[in-house]
Amino acid sequence: MDVYQQLKQRRKALGLQQAALQQRVGINQQQYQRIEAGGNPRLDTLSLLAQGLEAELLLVPKEKLAAVQAVLADESSTLPAAPRPANAVAPLALADDPWAGLLGQHAR
């Protein structure tokens, strides 16, 4: 899927009409229509559109593209938490240490 299809798909997923997105990012109707139709936007315009679509522009190395696409396709998945070292001490709950962080100190 090319970037133009992704822009349109994301806009529709957010329930936005072209006019609403145009107002959100401050570009004119003709400019946005050309972009969504396969025009050649500047990088700063793509960045502005990404912000308006609550998205991020990323450069993905080709060797990682399949993995990124698989994660994005599986909306139910979440990234696993980083494993904790075997010697890690569990943080105290606030009830166990009500003074934690009071003076800007890190929890014990």
PDB file of N, CA and C in Angstrom:
ATOM      1  N   MET A   1       0.857  -1.178   0.000  1.00  0.00           N
ATOM      2  CA  MET A   1       0.000   0.000   0.000  1.00  0.00           C
ATOM      3  C   MET A   1       0.903   1.241   0.000  1.00  0.00           C
ATOM      4  N   ASP A   2       0.636   2.145  -0.915  1.00  0.00           N
ATOM      5  CA  ASP A   2       1.471   3.349  -0.982  1.00  0.00           C
ATOM      6  C   ASP A   2       1.012   4.398   0.035  1.00  0.00           C
ATOM      7  N   VAL A   3       1.814   5.447   0.178  1.00  0.00           N
ATOM      8  CA  VAL A   3       1.562   6.467   1.188  1.00  0.00           C
ATOM      9  C   VAL A   3       0.223   7.177   0.958  1.00  0.00           C
ATOM     10  N   TYR A   4      -0.176   7.334  -0.294  1.00  0.00           N
ATOM     11  CA  TYR A   4      -1.436   8.025  -0.602  1.00  0.00           C
ATOM     12  C   TYR A   4      -2.632   7.214  -0.110  1.00  0.00           C
ATOM     13  N   GLN A   5      -2.565   5.905  -0.327  1.00  0.00           N
ATOM     14  CA  GLN A   5      -3.633   5.029   0.169  1.00  0.00           C
ATOM     15  C   GLN A   5      -3.645   5.014   1.690  1.00  0.00           C
ATOM     16  N   GLN A   6      -2.462   5.049   2.296  1.00  0.00           N
ATOM     17  CA  GLN A   6      -2.384   5.064   3.754  1.00  0.00           C
ATOM     18  C   GLN A   6      -2.983   6.337   4.330  1.00  0.00           C
ATOM     19  N   LEU A   7      -2.713   7.471   3.690  1.00  0.00           N
ATOM     20  CA  LEU A   7      -3.298   8.740   4.142  1.00  0.00           C
ATOM     21  C   LEU A   7      -4.819   8.661   4.108  1.00  0.00           C
ATOM     22  N   LYS A   8      -5.341   8.203   2.985  1.00  0.00           N
ATOM     23  CA  LYS A   8      -6.796   8.116   2.816  1.00  0.00           C
ATOM     24  C   LYS A   8      -7.404   7.127   3.812  1.00  0.00           C
ATOM     25  N   GLN A   9      -6.749   5.967   3.967  1.00  0.00           N
ATOM     26  CA  GLN A   9      -7.252   4.952   4.893  1.00  0.00           C
ATOM     27  C   GLN A   9      -7.271   5.475   6.330  1.00  0.00           C
ATOM     28  N   ARG A  10      -6.206   6.150   6.728  1.00  0.00           N
ATOM     29  CA  ARG A  10      -6.135   6.681   8.095  1.00  0.00           C
ATOM     30  C   ARG A  10      -7.169   7.781   8.304  1.00  0.00           C
ATOM     31  N   ARG A  11      -7.331   8.645   7.306  1.00  0.00           N
ATOM     32  CA  ARG A  11      -8.327   9.719   7.404  1.00  0.00           C
ATOM     33  C   ARG A  11      -9.719   9.122   7.600  1.00  0.00           C
ATOM     34  N   LYS A  12     -10.032   8.104   6.824  1.00  0.00           N
ATOM     35  CA  LYS A  12     -11.350   7.466   6.939  1.00  0.00           C
ATOM     36  C   LYS A  12     -11.497   6.717   8.264  1.00  0.00           C
ATOM     37  N   ALA A  13     -10.410   6.104   8.734  1.00  0.00           N
ATOM     38  CA  ALA A  13     -10.459   5.387  10.019  1.00  0.00           C
ATOM     39  C   ALA A  13     -10.760   6.347  11.166  1.00  0.00           C
ATOM     40  N   LEU A  14     -10.316   7.592  11.034  1.00  0.00           N
ATOM     41  CA  LEU A  14     -10.600   8.607  12.054  1.00  0.00           C
ATOM     42  C   LEU A  14     -11.962   9.259  11.846  1.00  0.00           C
ATOM     43  N   GLY A  15     -12.646   8.877  10.763  1.00  0.00           N
ATOM     44  CA  GLY A  15     -13.963   9.436  10.483  1.00  0.00           C
ATOM     45  C   GLY A  15     -13.906  10.871   9.989  1.00  0.00           C
ATOM     46  N   LEU A  16     -12.818  11.238   9.333  1.00  0.00           N
ATOM     47  CA  LEU A  16     -12.648  12.613   8.866  1.00  0.00           C
ATOM     48  C   LEU A  16     -12.953  12.728   7.376  1.00  0.00           C
ATOM     49  N   GLN A  17     -13.656  13.765   7.020  1.00  0.00           N
ATOM     50  CA  GLN A  17     -13.828  14.124   5.612  1.00  0.00           C
ATOM     51  C   GLN A  17     -12.574  14.884   5.193  1.00  0.00           C
ATOM     52  N   GLN A  18     -12.345  14.984   3.891  1.00  0.00           N
ATOM     53  CA  GLN A  18     -11.179  15.728   3.416  1.00  0.00           C
ATOM     54  C   GLN A  18     -11.175  17.153   3.968  1.00  0.00           C
ATOM     55  N   ALA A  19     -12.325  17.796   3.974  1.00  0.00           N
ATOM     56  CA  ALA A  19     -12.406  19.190   4.440  1.00  0.00           C
ATOM     57  C   ALA A  19     -11.991  19.318   5.909  1.00  0.00           C
ATOM     58  N   ALA A  20     -12.375  18.354   6.728  1.00  0.00           N
ATOM     59  CA  ALA A  20     -12.027  18.408   8.149  1.00  0.00           C
ATOM     60  C   ALA A  20     -10.522  18.265   8.342  1.00  0.00           C
ATOM     61  N   LEU A  21      -9.905  17.366   7.585  1.00  0.00           N
ATOM     62  CA  LEU A  21      -8.463  17.197   7.694  1.00  0.00           C
ATOM     63  C   LEU A  21      -7.736  18.432   7.176  1.00  0.00           C
ATOM     64  N   GLN A  22      -8.241  18.998   6.102  1.00  0.00           N
ATOM     65  CA  GLN A  22      -7.630  20.210   5.554  1.00  0.00           C
ATOM     66  C   GLN A  22      -7.637  21.330   6.586  1.00  0.00           C
ATOM     67  N   GLN A  23      -8.746  21.474   7.290  1.00  0.00           N
ATOM     68  CA  GLN A  23      -8.829  22.511   8.320  1.00  0.00           C
ATOM     69  C   GLN A  23      -7.895  22.196   9.475  1.00  0.00           C
ATOM     70  N   ARG A  24      -7.793  20.930   9.827  1.00  0.00           N
ATOM     71  CA  ARG A  24      -6.945  20.500  10.923  1.00  0.00           C
ATOM     72  C   ARG A  24      -5.478  20.843  10.688  1.00  0.00           C
ATOM     73  N   VAL A  25      -5.026  20.672   9.446  1.00  0.00           N
ATOM     74  CA  VAL A  25      -3.607  20.865   9.156  1.00  0.00           C
ATOM     75  C   VAL A  25      -3.306  22.185   8.462  1.00  0.00           C
ATOM     76  N   GLY A  26      -4.334  22.874   7.984  1.00  0.00           N
ATOM     77  CA  GLY A  26      -4.139  24.191   7.397  1.00  0.00           C
ATOM     78  C   GLY A  26      -3.640  24.199   5.968  1.00  0.00           C
ATOM     79  N   ILE A  27      -4.087  23.240   5.168  1.00  0.00           N
ATOM     80  CA  ILE A  27      -3.748  23.272   3.748  1.00  0.00           C
ATOM     81  C   ILE A  27      -5.027  23.450   2.952  1.00  0.00           C
ATOM     82  N   ASN A  28      -4.893  23.888   1.698  1.00  0.00           N
ATOM     83  CA  ASN A  28      -6.102  24.130   0.916  1.00  0.00           C
ATOM     84  C   ASN A  28      -6.617  22.837   0.284  1.00  0.00           C
ATOM     85  N   GLN A  29      -7.848  22.882  -0.155  1.00  0.00           N
ATOM     86  CA  GLN A  29      -8.538  21.702  -0.670  1.00  0.00           C
ATOM     87  C   GLN A  29      -7.834  21.106  -1.888  1.00  0.00           C
ATOM     88  N   GLN A  30      -7.433  21.941  -2.815  1.00  0.00           N
ATOM     89  CA  GLN A  30      -6.777  21.437  -4.021  1.00  0.00           C
ATOM     90  C   GLN A  30      -5.464  20.727  -3.689  1.00  0.00           C
ATOM     91  N   GLN A  31      -4.704  21.308  -2.782  1.00  0.00           N
ATOM     92  CA  GLN A  31      -3.430  20.698  -2.402  1.00  0.00           C
ATOM     93  C   GLN A  31      -3.651  19.317  -1.796  1.00  0.00           C
ATOM     94  N   TYR A  32      -4.621  19.207  -0.891  1.00  0.00           N
ATOM     95  CA  TYR A  32      -4.855  17.911  -0.264  1.00  0.00           C
ATOM     96  C   TYR A  32      -5.397  16.899  -1.269  1.00  0.00           C
ATOM     97  N   GLN A  33      -6.299  17.304  -2.127  1.00  0.00           N
ATOM     98  CA  GLN A  33      -6.847  16.388  -3.121  1.00  0.00           C
ATOM     99  C   GLN A  33      -5.744  15.858  -4.036  1.00  0.00           C
ATOM    100  N   ARG A  34      -4.810  16.731  -4.430  1.00  0.00           N
ATOM    101  CA  ARG A  34      -3.691  16.287  -5.267  1.00  0.00           C
ATOM    102  C   ARG A  34      -2.829  15.268  -4.530  1.00  0.00           C
ATOM    103  N   ILE A  35      -2.587  15.496  -3.260  1.00  0.00           N
ATOM    104  CA  ILE A  35      -1.761  14.568  -2.479  1.00  0.00           C
ATOM    105  C   ILE A  35      -2.428  13.206  -2.398  1.00  0.00           C
ATOM    106  N   GLU A  36      -3.702  13.188  -2.025  1.00  0.00           N
ATOM    107  CA  GLU A  36      -4.408  11.922  -1.864  1.00  0.00           C
ATOM    108  C   GLU A  36      -4.569  11.190  -3.200  1.00  0.00           C
ATOM    109  N   ALA A  37      -4.536  11.941  -4.300  1.00  0.00           N
ATOM    110  CA  ALA A  37      -4.658  11.347  -5.632  1.00  0.00           C
ATOM    111  C   ALA A  37      -3.305  10.892  -6.181  1.00  0.00           C
ATOM    112  N   GLY A  38      -2.253  11.037  -5.393  1.00  0.00           N
ATOM    113  CA  GLY A  38      -0.949  10.566  -5.833  1.00  0.00           C
ATOM    114  C   GLY A  38       0.015  11.674  -6.192  1.00  0.00           C
ATOM    115  N   GLY A  39      -0.254  12.875  -5.709  1.00  0.00           N
ATOM    116  CA  GLY A  39       0.642  13.998  -5.974  1.00  0.00           C
ATOM    117  C   GLY A  39       1.999  13.811  -5.316  1.00  0.00           C
ATOM    118  N   ASN A  40       2.829  14.805  -5.391  1.00  0.00           N
ATOM    119  CA  ASN A  40       4.183  14.728  -4.874  1.00  0.00           C
ATOM    120  C   ASN A  40       4.363  15.756  -3.750  1.00  0.00           C
ATOM    121  N   PRO A  41       3.928  15.416  -2.530  1.00  0.00           N
ATOM    122  CA  PRO A  41       4.014  16.384  -1.434  1.00  0.00           C
ATOM    123  C   PRO A  41       5.435  16.552  -0.922  1.00  0.00           C
ATOM    124  N   ARG A  42       5.696  17.712  -0.342  1.00  0.00           N
ATOM    125  CA  ARG A  42       6.971  17.949   0.326  1.00  0.00           C
ATOM    126  C   ARG A  42       6.974  17.192   1.652  1.00  0.00           C
ATOM    127  N   LEU A  43       8.161  16.935   2.155  1.00  0.00           N
ATOM    128  CA  LEU A  43       8.295  16.200   3.409  1.00  0.00           C
ATOM    129  C   LEU A  43       7.621  16.930   4.559  1.00  0.00           C
ATOM    130  N   ASP A  44       7.743  18.255   4.617  1.00  0.00           N
ATOM    131  CA  ASP A  44       7.106  18.990   5.712  1.00  0.00           C
ATOM    132  C   ASP A  44       5.587  18.906   5.615  1.00  0.00           C
ATOM    133  N   THR A  45       5.045  18.795   4.395  1.00  0.00           N
ATOM    134  CA  THR A  45       3.600  18.631   4.233  1.00  0.00           C
ATOM    135  C   THR A  45       3.166  17.249   4.713  1.00  0.00           C
ATOM    136  N   LEU A  46       3.940  16.222   4.395  1.00  0.00           N
ATOM    137  CA  LEU A  46       3.627  14.874   4.889  1.00  0.00           C
ATOM    138  C   LEU A  46       3.683  14.829   6.411  1.00  0.00           C
ATOM    139  N   SER A  47       4.659  15.503   6.989  1.00  0.00           N
ATOM    140  CA  SER A  47       4.776  15.549   8.445  1.00  0.00           C
ATOM    141  C   SER A  47       3.561  16.240   9.062  1.00  0.00           C
ATOM    142  N   LEU A  48       3.124  17.314   8.453  1.00  0.00           N
ATOM    143  CA  LEU A  48       1.944  18.037   8.917  1.00  0.00           C
ATOM    144  C   LEU A  48       0.692  17.159   8.824  1.00  0.00           C
ATOM    145  N   LEU A  49       0.562  16.443   7.719  1.00  0.00           N
ATOM    146  CA  LEU A  49      -0.578  15.532   7.556  1.00  0.00           C
ATOM    147  C   LEU A  49      -0.540  14.418   8.595  1.00  0.00           C
ATOM    148  N   ALA A  50       0.640  13.885   8.864  1.00  0.00           N
ATOM    149  CA  ALA A  50       0.764  12.835   9.872  1.00  0.00           C
ATOM    150  C   ALA A  50       0.282  13.340  11.233  1.00  0.00           C
ATOM    151  N   GLN A  51       0.675  14.554  11.596  1.00  0.00           N
ATOM    152  CA  GLN A  51       0.209  15.117  12.861  1.00  0.00           C
ATOM    153  C   GLN A  51      -1.303  15.237  12.878  1.00  0.00           C
ATOM    154  N   GLY A  52      -1.870  15.713  11.784  1.00  0.00           N
ATOM    155  CA  GLY A  52      -3.324  15.866  11.691  1.00  0.00           C
ATOM    156  C   GLY A  52      -4.059  14.540  11.734  1.00  0.00           C
ATOM    157  N   LEU A  53      -3.371  13.479  11.329  1.00  0.00           N
ATOM    158  CA  LEU A  53      -3.968  12.143  11.327  1.00  0.00           C
ATOM    159  C   LEU A  53      -3.585  11.345  12.573  1.00  0.00           C
ATOM    160  N   GLU A  54      -2.982  12.027  13.550  1.00  0.00           N
ATOM    161  CA  GLU A  54      -2.550  11.378  14.787  1.00  0.00           C
ATOM    162  C   GLU A  54      -1.695  10.156  14.466  1.00  0.00           C
ATOM    163  N   ALA A  55      -0.681  10.386  13.618  1.00  0.00           N
ATOM    164  CA  ALA A  55       0.204   9.320  13.161  1.00  0.00           C
ATOM    165  C   ALA A  55       1.643   9.838  13.171  1.00  0.00           C
ATOM    166  N   GLU A  56       2.569   8.972  12.848  1.00  0.00           N
ATOM    167  CA  GLU A  56       3.989   9.313  12.775  1.00  0.00           C
ATOM    168  C   GLU A  56       4.540   8.836  11.443  1.00  0.00           C
ATOM    169  N   LEU A  57       5.452   9.607  10.892  1.00  0.00           N
ATOM    170  CA  LEU A  57       6.201   9.183   9.714  1.00  0.00           C
ATOM    171  C   LEU A  57       7.419   8.421  10.199  1.00  0.00           C
ATOM    172  N   LEU A  58       7.677   7.271   9.600  1.00  0.00           N
ATOM    173  CA  LEU A  58       8.832   6.472   9.985  1.00  0.00           C
ATOM    174  C   LEU A  58       9.553   5.963   8.752  1.00  0.00           C
ATOM    175  N   LEU A  59      10.856   5.863   8.850  1.00  0.00           N
ATOM    176  CA  LEU A  59      11.640   5.161   7.847  1.00  0.00           C
ATOM    177  C   LEU A  59      11.889   3.771   8.406  1.00  0.00           C
ATOM    178  N   VAL A  60      11.449   2.770   7.682  1.00  0.00           N
ATOM    179  CA  VAL A  60      11.595   1.397   8.144  1.00  0.00           C
ATOM    180  C   VAL A  60      12.607   0.694   7.242  1.00  0.00           C
ATOM    181  N   PRO A  61      13.654   0.135   7.817  1.00  0.00           N
ATOM    182  CA  PRO A  61      14.605  -0.611   6.988  1.00  0.00           C
ATOM    183  C   PRO A  61      13.885  -1.752   6.259  1.00  0.00           C
ATOM    184  N   LYS A  62      14.259  -1.992   5.009  1.00  0.00           N
ATOM    185  CA  LYS A  62      13.596  -3.011   4.194  1.00  0.00           C
ATOM    186  C   LYS A  62      13.601  -4.370   4.874  1.00  0.00           C
ATOM    187  N   GLU A  63      14.700  -4.699   5.548  1.00  0.00           N
ATOM    188  CA  GLU A  63      14.770  -6.014   6.181  1.00  0.00           C
ATOM    189  C   GLU A  63      13.815  -6.138   7.373  1.00  0.00           C
ATOM    190  N   LYS A  64      13.292  -5.027   7.876  1.00  0.00           N
ATOM    191  CA  LYS A  64      12.344  -5.047   8.999  1.00  0.00           C
ATOM    192  C   LYS A  64      10.906  -4.799   8.549  1.00  0.00           C
ATOM    193  N   LEU A  65      10.710  -4.491   7.281  1.00  0.00           N
ATOM    194  CA  LEU A  65       9.390  -4.102   6.791  1.00  0.00           C
ATOM    195  C   LEU A  65       8.338  -5.182   7.013  1.00  0.00           C
ATOM    196  N   ALA A  66       8.651  -6.427   6.719  1.00  0.00           N
ATOM    197  CA  ALA A  66       7.672  -7.511   6.890  1.00  0.00           C
ATOM    198  C   ALA A  66       7.264  -7.643   8.358  1.00  0.00           C
ATOM    199  N   ALA A  67       8.215  -7.513   9.263  1.00  0.00           N
ATOM    200  CA  ALA A  67       7.905  -7.625  10.697  1.00  0.00           C
ATOM    201  C   ALA A  67       7.020  -6.474  11.146  1.00  0.00           C
ATOM    202  N   VAL A  68       7.314  -5.257  10.682  1.00  0.00           N
ATOM    203  CA  VAL A  68       6.507  -4.092  11.049  1.00  0.00           C
ATOM    204  C   VAL A  68       5.094  -4.244  10.495  1.00  0.00           C
ATOM    205  N   GLN A  69       4.979  -4.670   9.248  1.00  0.00           N
ATOM    206  CA  GLN A  69       3.658  -4.854   8.645  1.00  0.00           C
ATOM    207  C   GLN A  69       2.857  -5.928   9.380  1.00  0.00           C
ATOM    208  N   ALA A  70       3.529  -6.983   9.822  1.00  0.00           N
ATOM    209  CA  ALA A  70       2.835  -8.046  10.564  1.00  0.00           C
ATOM    210  C   ALA A  70       2.297  -7.525  11.886  1.00  0.00           C
ATOM    211  N   VAL A  71       3.082  -6.716  12.575  1.00  0.00           N
ATOM    212  CA  VAL A  71       2.627  -6.144  13.851  1.00  0.00           C
ATOM    213  C   VAL A  71       1.443  -5.207  13.606  1.00  0.00           C
ATOM    214  N   LEU A  72       1.544  -4.370  12.583  1.00  0.00           N
ATOM    215  CA  LEU A  72       0.459  -3.432  12.290  1.00  0.00           C
ATOM    216  C   LEU A  72      -0.804  -4.146  11.848  1.00  0.00           C
ATOM    217  N   ALA A  73      -0.672  -5.260  11.145  1.00  0.00           N
ATOM    218  CA  ALA A  73      -1.836  -6.009  10.673  1.00  0.00           C
ATOM    219  C   ALA A  73      -2.557  -6.705  11.818  1.00  0.00           C
ATOM    220  N   ASP A  74      -1.832  -7.063  12.865  1.00  0.00           N
ATOM    221  CA  ASP A  74      -2.421  -7.753  14.010  1.00  0.00           C
ATOM    222  C   ASP A  74      -2.744  -6.744  15.095  1.00  0.00           C
ATOM    223  N   GLU A  75      -3.894  -6.081  14.958  1.00  0.00           N
ATOM    224  CA  GLU A  75      -4.276  -5.029  15.900  1.00  0.00           C
ATOM    225  C   GLU A  75      -4.495  -5.544  17.309  1.00  0.00           C
ATOM    226  N   SER A  76      -4.751  -6.847  17.446  1.00  0.00           N
ATOM    227  CA  SER A  76      -5.006  -7.385  18.785  1.00  0.00           C
ATOM    228  C   SER A  76      -3.713  -7.651  19.543  1.00  0.00           C
ATOM    229  N   SER A  77      -2.586  -7.625  18.823  1.00  0.00           N
ATOM    230  CA  SER A  77      -1.333  -7.940  19.504  1.00  0.00           C
ATOM    231  C   SER A  77      -0.813  -6.726  20.261  1.00  0.00           C
ATOM    232  N   THR A  78      -0.075  -7.007  21.277  1.00  0.00           N
ATOM    233  CA  THR A  78       0.635  -5.960  21.999  1.00  0.00           C
ATOM    234  C   THR A  78       2.076  -6.408  22.111  1.00  0.00           C
ATOM    235  N   LEU A  79       2.957  -5.465  22.180  1.00  0.00           N
ATOM    236  CA  LEU A  79       4.355  -5.829  22.313  1.00  0.00           C
ATOM    237  C   LEU A  79       4.585  -6.409  23.700  1.00  0.00           C
ATOM    238  N   PRO A  80       5.382  -7.468  23.787  1.00  0.00           N
ATOM    239  CA  PRO A  80       5.642  -8.056  25.105  1.00  0.00           C
ATOM    240  C   PRO A  80       6.474  -7.107  25.955  1.00  0.00           C
ATOM    241  N   ALA A  81       6.253  -7.199  27.252  1.00  0.00           N
ATOM    242  CA  ALA A  81       7.032  -6.379  28.179  1.00  0.00           C
ATOM    243  C   ALA A  81       8.466  -6.870  28.188  1.00  0.00           C
ATOM    244  N   ALA A  82       9.376  -5.957  28.427  1.00  0.00           N
ATOM    245  CA  ALA A  82      10.785  -6.342  28.504  1.00  0.00           C
ATOM    246  C   ALA A  82      10.971  -7.274  29.692  1.00  0.00           C
ATOM    247  N   PRO A  83      11.751  -8.326  29.529  1.00  0.00           N
ATOM    248  CA  PRO A  83      11.953  -9.256  30.653  1.00  0.00           C
ATOM    249  C   PRO A  83      12.708  -8.577  31.782  1.00  0.00           C
ATOM    250  N   ARG A  84      12.318  -8.906  33.004  1.00  0.00           N
ATOM    251  CA  ARG A  84      12.985  -8.346  34.177  1.00  0.00           C
ATOM    252  C   ARG A  84      14.169  -9.227  34.530  1.00  0.00           C
ATOM    253  N   PRO A  85      15.260  -8.620  34.914  1.00  0.00           N
ATOM    254  CA  PRO A  85      16.409  -9.417  35.347  1.00  0.00           C
ATOM    255  C   PRO A  85      16.030 -10.269  36.561  1.00  0.00           C
ATOM    256  N   ALA A  86      16.646 -11.432  36.680  1.00  0.00           N
ATOM    257  CA  ALA A  86      16.326 -12.357  37.770  1.00  0.00           C
ATOM    258  C   ALA A  86      16.573 -11.732  39.139  1.00  0.00           C
ATOM    259  N   ASN A  87      17.544 -10.832  39.241  1.00  0.00           N
ATOM    260  CA  ASN A  87      17.868 -10.232  40.544  1.00  0.00           C
ATOM    261  C   ASN A  87      17.135  -8.916  40.793  1.00  0.00           C
ATOM    262  N   ALA A  88      16.176  -8.576  39.937  1.00  0.00           N
ATOM    263  CA  ALA A  88      15.445  -7.318  40.097  1.00  0.00           C
ATOM    264  C   ALA A  88      14.519  -7.389  41.310  1.00  0.00           C
ATOM    265  N   VAL A  89      14.447  -6.290  42.024  1.00  0.00           N
ATOM    266  CA  VAL A  89      13.584  -6.194  43.187  1.00  0.00           C
ATOM    267  C   VAL A  89      12.272  -5.550  42.743  1.00  0.00           C
ATOM    268  N   ALA A  90      11.174  -6.145  43.134  1.00  0.00           N
ATOM    269  CA  ALA A  90       9.869  -5.582  42.779  1.00  0.00           C
ATOM    270  C   ALA A  90       9.690  -4.243  43.469  1.00  0.00           C
ATOM    271  N   PRO A  91       9.172  -3.232  42.755  1.00  0.00           N
ATOM    272  CA  PRO A  91       8.963  -1.935  43.400  1.00  0.00           C
ATOM    273  C   PRO A  91       7.886  -2.031  44.477  1.00  0.00           C
ATOM    274  N   LEU A  92       8.067  -1.228  45.516  1.00  0.00           N
ATOM    275  CA  LEU A  92       7.074  -1.198  46.587  1.00  0.00           C
ATOM    276  C   LEU A  92       5.825  -0.466  46.129  1.00  0.00           C
ATOM    277  N   ALA A  93       4.703  -0.936  46.548  1.00  0.00           N
ATOM    278  CA  ALA A  93       3.452  -0.254  46.243  1.00  0.00           C
ATOM    279  C   ALA A  93       3.371   0.998  47.108  1.00  0.00           C
ATOM    280  N   LEU A  94       2.574   1.966  46.681  1.00  0.00           N
ATOM    281  CA  LEU A  94       2.424   3.211  47.434  1.00  0.00           C
ATOM    282  C   LEU A  94       1.959   2.917  48.862  1.00  0.00           C
ATOM    283  N   ALA A  95       1.110   1.913  49.032  1.00  0.00           N
ATOM    284  CA  ALA A  95       0.634   1.568  50.373  1.00  0.00           C
ATOM    285  C   ALA A  95       1.781   1.071  51.251  1.00  0.00           C
ATOM    286  N   ASP A  96       2.781   0.430  50.625  1.00  0.00           N
ATOM    287  CA  ASP A  96       3.925  -0.081  51.378  1.00  0.00           C
ATOM    288  C   ASP A  96       4.917   1.028  51.714  1.00  0.00           C
ATOM    289  N   ASP A  97       4.994   2.068  50.865  1.00  0.00           N
ATOM    290  CA  ASP A  97       5.954   3.152  51.071  1.00  0.00           C
ATOM    291  C   ASP A  97       5.297   4.477  50.677  1.00  0.00           C
ATOM    292  N   PRO A  98       4.481   5.057  51.575  1.00  0.00           N
ATOM    293  CA  PRO A  98       3.760   6.278  51.240  1.00  0.00           C
ATOM    294  C   PRO A  98       4.673   7.483  51.037  1.00  0.00           C
ATOM    295  N   TRP A  99       5.950   7.390  51.404  1.00  0.00           N
ATOM    296  CA  TRP A  99       6.877   8.513  51.283  1.00  0.00           C
ATOM    297  C   TRP A  99       7.642   8.469  49.961  1.00  0.00           C
ATOM    298  N   ALA A 100       7.429   7.441  49.158  1.00  0.00           N
ATOM    299  CA  ALA A 100       8.186   7.274  47.917  1.00  0.00           C
ATOM    300  C   ALA A 100       7.982   8.471  46.995  1.00  0.00           C
ATOM    301  N   GLY A 101       9.084   9.043  46.563  1.00  0.00           N
ATOM    302  CA  GLY A 101       9.040  10.137  45.602  1.00  0.00           C
ATOM    303  C   GLY A 101       8.645  11.479  46.163  1.00  0.00           C
ATOM    304  N   LEU A 102       8.387  11.574  47.453  1.00  0.00           N
ATOM    305  CA  LEU A 102       7.914  12.807  48.055  1.00  0.00           C
ATOM    306  C   LEU A 102       8.906  13.951  47.883  1.00  0.00           C
ATOM    307  N   LEU A 103      10.175  13.657  48.017  1.00  0.00           N
ATOM    308  CA  LEU A 103      11.206  14.675  47.903  1.00  0.00           C
ATOM    309  C   LEU A 103      11.944  14.588  46.576  1.00  0.00           C
ATOM    310  N   GLY A 104      11.299  14.016  45.569  1.00  0.00           N
ATOM    311  CA  GLY A 104      11.910  13.887  44.268  1.00  0.00           C
ATOM    312  C   GLY A 104      12.890  12.736  44.192  1.00  0.00           C
ATOM    313  N   GLN A 105      12.907  11.900  45.200  1.00  0.00           N
ATOM    314  CA  GLN A 105      13.806  10.749  45.209  1.00  0.00           C
ATOM    315  C   GLN A 105      13.126   9.596  44.503  1.00  0.00           C
ATOM    316  N   HIS A 106      13.928   8.727  43.925  1.00  0.00           N
ATOM    317  CA  HIS A 106      13.394   7.547  43.281  1.00  0.00           C
ATOM    318  C   HIS A 106      12.941   6.555  44.336  1.00  0.00           C
ATOM    319  N   ALA A 107      11.957   5.746  43.977  1.00  0.00           N
ATOM    320  CA  ALA A 107      11.473   4.718  44.903  1.00  0.00           C
ATOM    321  C   ALA A 107      12.596   3.726  45.178  1.00  0.00           C
ATOM    322  N   ARG A 108      12.569   3.206  46.386  1.00  0.00           N
ATOM    323  CA  ARG A 108      13.590   2.207  46.783  1.00  0.00           C
ATOM    324  C   ARG A 108      13.337   0.896  46.144  1.00  0.00           C
TER     325      ARG A 108
END
